[in-house]
Amino acid sequence: MIVRIMGEGQVRLDDGRLAELNQLDDELLAEMEKGDGPGFRRTLDALLAKVRELGEPLPDDSLEPSELILPAADASLEEVRELLSDDGLIPGVPGA
């Protein structure tokens, strides 16, 4: 799966790693619903760090279609709210 972090670039991420990201995504969604700004910032940073850790960066000149787009690290709570689907930022993983 190709994941784009807005303002940073793309990484190739094994589909099997989505379950790990889903836990952080669920936390992020809960913090947004509560309006927990500091928690939101902490969890967004952790989610993006995990994607960077688990993913393999693609070259800057690579233009692969992104299957998942994540907000920039400095995105506001409102900007992230606009990107959310019913499942959060990360699609649901069957059987997870």
N, C-alpha and C. Protein backbone atom coordinates (compact mmCIF):
# COMPACT_ATOMS: atom_id res chain seq x y z
N MET A 1 0.85 -1.17 0.00
CA MET A 1 0.00 0.00 0.00
C MET A 1 0.90 1.24 0.00
N ILE A 2 0.51 2.24 -0.78
CA ILE A 2 1.25 3.50 -0.81
C ILE A 2 0.50 4.50 0.06
N VAL A 3 1.25 5.10 1.00
CA VAL A 3 0.68 6.06 1.93
C VAL A 3 1.38 7.40 1.71
N ARG A 4 0.58 8.45 1.58
CA ARG A 4 1.13 9.80 1.45
C ARG A 4 0.90 10.53 2.77
N ILE A 5 1.96 11.13 3.27
CA ILE A 5 1.84 12.06 4.39
C ILE A 5 1.93 13.44 3.76
N MET A 6 0.87 14.20 3.86
CA MET A 6 0.80 15.50 3.19
C MET A 6 2.00 16.36 3.60
N GLY A 7 2.64 16.94 2.60
CA GLY A 7 3.78 17.81 2.83
C GLY A 7 5.09 17.08 3.02
N GLU A 8 5.08 15.74 3.03
CA GLU A 8 6.32 14.99 3.26
C GLU A 8 6.68 14.08 2.10
N GLY A 9 5.74 13.37 1.55
CA GLY A 9 6.04 12.40 0.51
C GLY A 9 5.29 11.11 0.76
N GLN A 10 5.77 10.06 0.09
CA GLN A 10 5.08 8.77 0.13
C GLN A 10 5.97 7.69 0.73
N VAL A 11 5.31 6.69 1.33
CA VAL A 11 6.00 5.50 1.81
C VAL A 11 5.22 4.28 1.35
N ARG A 12 5.95 3.18 1.15
CA ARG A 12 5.32 1.90 0.84
C ARG A 12 5.17 1.17 2.17
N LEU A 13 3.95 0.74 2.45
CA LEU A 13 3.64 0.10 3.73
C LEU A 13 2.96 -1.23 3.47
N ASP A 14 3.44 -2.27 4.12
CA ASP A 14 2.83 -3.59 4.00
C ASP A 14 1.40 -3.54 4.54
N ASP A 15 0.44 -4.07 3.79
CA ASP A 15 -0.96 -4.05 4.21
C ASP A 15 -1.16 -4.69 5.58
N GLY A 16 -0.32 -5.65 5.92
CA GLY A 16 -0.43 -6.33 7.20
C GLY A 16 -0.15 -5.43 8.39
N ARG A 17 0.41 -4.26 8.16
CA ARG A 17 0.74 -3.34 9.25
C ARG A 17 -0.43 -2.40 9.60
N LEU A 18 -1.50 -2.45 8.81
CA LEU A 18 -2.63 -1.54 9.04
C LEU A 18 -3.28 -1.75 10.41
N ALA A 19 -3.31 -2.98 10.89
CA ALA A 19 -3.91 -3.24 12.20
C ALA A 19 -3.17 -2.47 13.29
N GLU A 20 -1.85 -2.37 13.18
CA GLU A 20 -1.06 -1.61 14.16
C GLU A 20 -1.44 -0.12 14.13
N LEU A 21 -1.66 0.38 12.92
CA LEU A 21 -2.00 1.80 12.77
C LEU A 21 -3.44 2.08 13.21
N ASN A 22 -4.30 1.07 13.08
CA ASN A 22 -5.71 1.28 13.42
C ASN A 22 -5.92 1.64 14.89
N GLN A 23 -5.12 1.08 15.78
CA GLN A 23 -5.25 1.40 17.20
C GLN A 23 -5.01 2.89 17.44
N LEU A 24 -3.95 3.41 16.83
CA LEU A 24 -3.67 4.84 16.97
C LEU A 24 -4.76 5.68 16.30
N ASP A 25 -5.25 5.20 15.18
CA ASP A 25 -6.33 5.90 14.48
C ASP A 25 -7.59 5.96 15.35
N ASP A 26 -7.91 4.87 16.02
CA ASP A 26 -9.07 4.86 16.92
C ASP A 26 -8.89 5.85 18.07
N GLU A 27 -7.69 5.91 18.62
CA GLU A 27 -7.40 6.87 19.69
C GLU A 27 -7.56 8.30 19.18
N LEU A 28 -7.05 8.55 17.98
CA LEU A 28 -7.13 9.88 17.39
C LEU A 28 -8.59 10.30 17.20
N LEU A 29 -9.39 9.38 16.70
CA LEU A 29 -10.82 9.67 16.49
C LEU A 29 -11.51 9.99 17.81
N ALA A 30 -11.22 9.23 18.85
CA ALA A 30 -11.83 9.47 20.16
C ALA A 30 -11.40 10.82 20.71
N GLU A 31 -10.15 11.19 20.56
CA GLU A 31 -9.67 12.48 21.05
C GLU A 31 -10.30 13.63 20.28
N MET A 32 -10.50 13.43 18.99
CA MET A 32 -11.15 14.48 18.21
C MET A 32 -12.59 14.66 18.64
N GLU A 33 -13.28 13.55 18.89
CA GLU A 33 -14.69 13.63 19.32
C GLU A 33 -14.82 14.34 20.66
N LYS A 34 -13.82 14.18 21.53
CA LYS A 34 -13.83 14.83 22.85
C LYS A 34 -13.31 16.26 22.78
N GLY A 35 -12.69 16.63 21.66
CA GLY A 35 -12.09 17.95 21.55
C GLY A 35 -10.81 18.06 22.35
N ASP A 36 -10.13 16.94 22.54
CA ASP A 36 -8.89 16.88 23.32
C ASP A 36 -7.71 17.29 22.42
N GLY A 37 -7.44 18.59 22.36
CA GLY A 37 -6.38 19.11 21.50
C GLY A 37 -5.01 18.53 21.79
N PRO A 38 -4.54 18.54 23.06
CA PRO A 38 -3.22 17.97 23.35
C PRO A 38 -3.15 16.47 23.05
N GLY A 39 -4.20 15.73 23.36
CA GLY A 39 -4.22 14.30 23.05
C GLY A 39 -4.20 14.06 21.56
N PHE A 40 -4.97 14.85 20.83
CA PHE A 40 -5.01 14.77 19.37
C PHE A 40 -3.61 14.98 18.79
N ARG A 41 -2.93 16.01 19.23
CA ARG A 41 -1.59 16.33 18.72
C ARG A 41 -0.62 15.18 19.02
N ARG A 42 -0.66 14.68 20.24
CA ARG A 42 0.23 13.60 20.66
C ARG A 42 -0.02 12.33 19.81
N THR A 43 -1.29 11.99 19.61
CA THR A 43 -1.62 10.78 18.88
C THR A 43 -1.36 10.93 17.39
N LEU A 44 -1.63 12.09 16.81
CA LEU A 44 -1.31 12.32 15.40
C LEU A 44 0.19 12.17 15.18
N ASP A 45 0.99 12.76 16.08
CA ASP A 45 2.45 12.63 15.97
C ASP A 45 2.86 11.16 16.04
N ALA A 46 2.25 10.40 16.96
CA ALA A 46 2.58 8.99 17.12
C ALA A 46 2.18 8.18 15.88
N LEU A 47 1.02 8.49 15.31
CA LEU A 47 0.55 7.79 14.11
C LEU A 47 1.50 8.04 12.93
N LEU A 48 1.87 9.29 12.72
CA LEU A 48 2.77 9.61 11.61
C LEU A 48 4.15 9.00 11.84
N ALA A 49 4.62 9.00 13.08
CA ALA A 49 5.92 8.40 13.40
C ALA A 49 5.89 6.90 13.11
N LYS A 50 4.79 6.25 13.43
CA LYS A 50 4.66 4.80 13.19
C LYS A 50 4.66 4.51 11.69
N VAL A 51 3.97 5.34 10.90
CA VAL A 51 3.96 5.15 9.45
C VAL A 51 5.38 5.31 8.91
N ARG A 52 6.11 6.32 9.39
CA ARG A 52 7.49 6.53 8.94
C ARG A 52 8.37 5.34 9.34
N GLU A 53 8.14 4.82 10.55
CA GLU A 53 8.94 3.70 11.06
C GLU A 53 8.68 2.41 10.26
N LEU A 54 7.43 2.12 9.99
CA LEU A 54 7.05 0.87 9.34
C LEU A 54 7.16 0.92 7.82
N GLY A 55 7.10 2.11 7.26
CA GLY A 55 7.09 2.25 5.81
C GLY A 55 8.47 2.45 5.22
N GLU A 56 8.55 2.17 3.95
CA GLU A 56 9.78 2.39 3.18
C GLU A 56 9.58 3.62 2.30
N PRO A 57 10.35 4.69 2.54
CA PRO A 57 10.16 5.91 1.74
C PRO A 57 10.35 5.67 0.25
N LEU A 58 9.49 6.26 -0.53
CA LEU A 58 9.63 6.21 -1.99
C LEU A 58 10.48 7.40 -2.43
N PRO A 59 11.19 7.28 -3.53
CA PRO A 59 11.98 8.41 -4.02
C PRO A 59 11.09 9.62 -4.28
N ASP A 60 11.65 10.81 -4.09
CA ASP A 60 10.89 12.04 -4.28
C ASP A 60 10.31 12.16 -5.68
N ASP A 61 10.99 11.59 -6.68
CA ASP A 61 10.49 11.71 -8.05
C ASP A 61 9.49 10.63 -8.42
N SER A 62 9.15 9.76 -7.47
CA SER A 62 8.16 8.71 -7.69
C SER A 62 6.76 9.30 -7.57
N LEU A 63 5.89 8.97 -8.51
CA LEU A 63 4.52 9.49 -8.49
C LEU A 63 3.52 8.33 -8.49
N GLU A 64 3.59 7.50 -7.46
CA GLU A 64 2.67 6.38 -7.32
C GLU A 64 1.33 6.89 -6.83
N PRO A 65 0.21 6.29 -7.25
CA PRO A 65 -1.08 6.68 -6.69
C PRO A 65 -1.14 6.29 -5.21
N SER A 66 -1.55 7.21 -4.37
CA SER A 66 -1.63 6.96 -2.93
C SER A 66 -2.96 6.31 -2.60
N GLU A 67 -2.90 5.20 -1.86
CA GLU A 67 -4.11 4.51 -1.43
C GLU A 67 -4.63 5.07 -0.12
N LEU A 68 -3.76 5.76 0.60
CA LEU A 68 -4.11 6.34 1.89
C LEU A 68 -3.39 7.67 2.01
N ILE A 69 -4.12 8.71 2.39
CA ILE A 69 -3.52 10.03 2.55
C ILE A 69 -3.71 10.46 3.99
N LEU A 70 -2.59 10.77 4.64
CA LEU A 70 -2.61 11.22 6.04
C LEU A 70 -2.26 12.69 6.10
N PRO A 71 -2.77 13.38 7.12
CA PRO A 71 -2.51 14.82 7.23
C PRO A 71 -1.06 15.10 7.60
N ALA A 72 -0.65 16.33 7.35
CA ALA A 72 0.68 16.78 7.75
C ALA A 72 0.77 16.82 9.27
N ALA A 73 1.98 16.74 9.78
CA ALA A 73 2.20 16.74 11.23
C ALA A 73 1.66 18.01 11.90
N ASP A 74 1.63 19.11 11.17
CA ASP A 74 1.17 20.36 11.77
C ASP A 74 -0.31 20.66 11.47
N ALA A 75 -1.03 19.66 10.95
CA ALA A 75 -2.46 19.86 10.64
C ALA A 75 -3.25 20.14 11.91
N SER A 76 -4.24 21.01 11.78
CA SER A 76 -5.10 21.34 12.93
C SER A 76 -6.16 20.25 13.11
N LEU A 77 -6.77 20.26 14.26
CA LEU A 77 -7.86 19.32 14.55
C LEU A 77 -8.95 19.46 13.49
N GLU A 78 -9.30 20.68 13.12
CA GLU A 78 -10.35 20.91 12.12
C GLU A 78 -9.94 20.39 10.74
N GLU A 79 -8.67 20.59 10.37
CA GLU A 79 -8.22 20.08 9.07
C GLU A 79 -8.29 18.56 9.02
N VAL A 80 -7.93 17.91 10.11
CA VAL A 80 -7.98 16.46 10.15
C VAL A 80 -9.43 15.98 10.15
N ARG A 81 -10.29 16.69 10.83
CA ARG A 81 -11.71 16.33 10.86
C ARG A 81 -12.27 16.27 9.44
N GLU A 82 -11.82 17.16 8.55
CA GLU A 82 -12.30 17.18 7.17
C GLU A 82 -11.84 15.96 6.37
N LEU A 83 -10.72 15.33 6.79
CA LEU A 83 -10.18 14.16 6.08
C LEU A 83 -10.80 12.85 6.55
N LEU A 84 -11.50 12.89 7.67
CA LEU A 84 -12.00 11.65 8.28
C LEU A 84 -13.15 11.03 7.51
N SER A 85 -13.15 9.70 7.53
CA SER A 85 -14.30 8.94 7.07
C SER A 85 -14.93 8.35 8.33
N ASP A 86 -15.95 7.53 8.17
CA ASP A 86 -16.57 6.89 9.33
C ASP A 86 -15.59 5.99 10.06
N ASP A 87 -14.57 5.48 9.35
CA ASP A 87 -13.58 4.59 9.95
C ASP A 87 -12.37 5.34 10.50
N GLY A 88 -12.35 6.66 10.41
CA GLY A 88 -11.17 7.41 10.81
C GLY A 88 -10.29 7.66 9.60
N LEU A 89 -8.99 7.83 9.84
CA LEU A 89 -8.06 8.08 8.75
C LEU A 89 -7.62 6.79 8.07
N ILE A 90 -7.55 5.72 8.86
CA ILE A 90 -7.09 4.42 8.37
C ILE A 90 -8.31 3.54 8.13
N PRO A 91 -8.44 2.94 6.95
CA PRO A 91 -9.61 2.08 6.71
C PRO A 91 -9.64 0.90 7.66
N GLY A 92 -10.84 0.44 7.94
CA GLY A 92 -11.00 -0.71 8.83
C GLY A 92 -10.32 -1.94 8.25
N VAL A 93 -9.82 -2.78 9.15
CA VAL A 93 -9.14 -4.00 8.72
C VAL A 93 -10.02 -5.18 9.07
N PRO A 94 -10.45 -5.95 8.07
CA PRO A 94 -11.31 -7.11 8.35
C PRO A 94 -10.63 -8.07 9.32
N GLY A 95 -11.37 -8.51 10.30
CA GLY A 95 -10.84 -9.47 11.26
C GLY A 95 -9.94 -8.88 12.31
N ALA A 96 -9.75 -7.57 12.32
CA ALA A 96 -8.86 -6.95 13.31
C ALA A 96 -9.64 -6.56 14.54
